[in-house]
Amino acid sequence: MNYFLMVKDICEVLSYLAVIVGIPIAIHQYRQAKKKEQADREYGTYNALDEKYLEYQSICLEHPELDIFDIGDSTAPTLSEQQKKEELIAFTFLFSIFERAYLMYNDQSTRVKKRQWSGWEEYIESYCKRDNFRRAWQTSGNTFDSEFQKYMKKQLRSLKDSR
């Protein structure tokens, strides 16, 4: 009988030990899994925007006659009505990419998202200085998220004043 009590006591101590050691290990594994999920989401966001950006770059390459690439032409090209429409469509596509970046990165707390947003913000600012971009925004800018519209109007206004 004494043997069974001793085995029972040993098993009880081992179960307490398993709980004491197991809980911190479980918490650590949970935190690691959450960090990995967060990193995967951030990469997914980055990847989706990168794909759209590369798609826009392809449009720029297919239409060098339009002044839509991120390095603007030194003199504005004279465009036909068809080309003006193509330029508007291309910029509207770019607005959509900017909107997605704004909604995914602006006002985010993680270091990665802040770093990504600062790059997108510089890119947006560089386009906001261009007359053809500003005209395109006046035409199709009212179709986007209202917070993004406020952001763009603020950018366009501040950059117009600084030109």
Foldseek 3Di string as FASTA:
>chain_A
DVVVVVVVVVVVVVVVVCVVVVVVVVVVVVVVVVVVVVVVVLVVLVVVLVVLVVVLVVLCVVCVQQQQDLDGDPDHHDDDPVNLVVSLVSLVSVLVSLLSLCVVQPPDDDPSSVVSNVVSVVSLLSLLLDPSSVVSCVVPVVVGDPVSSVVSVVSNVVNVVVD
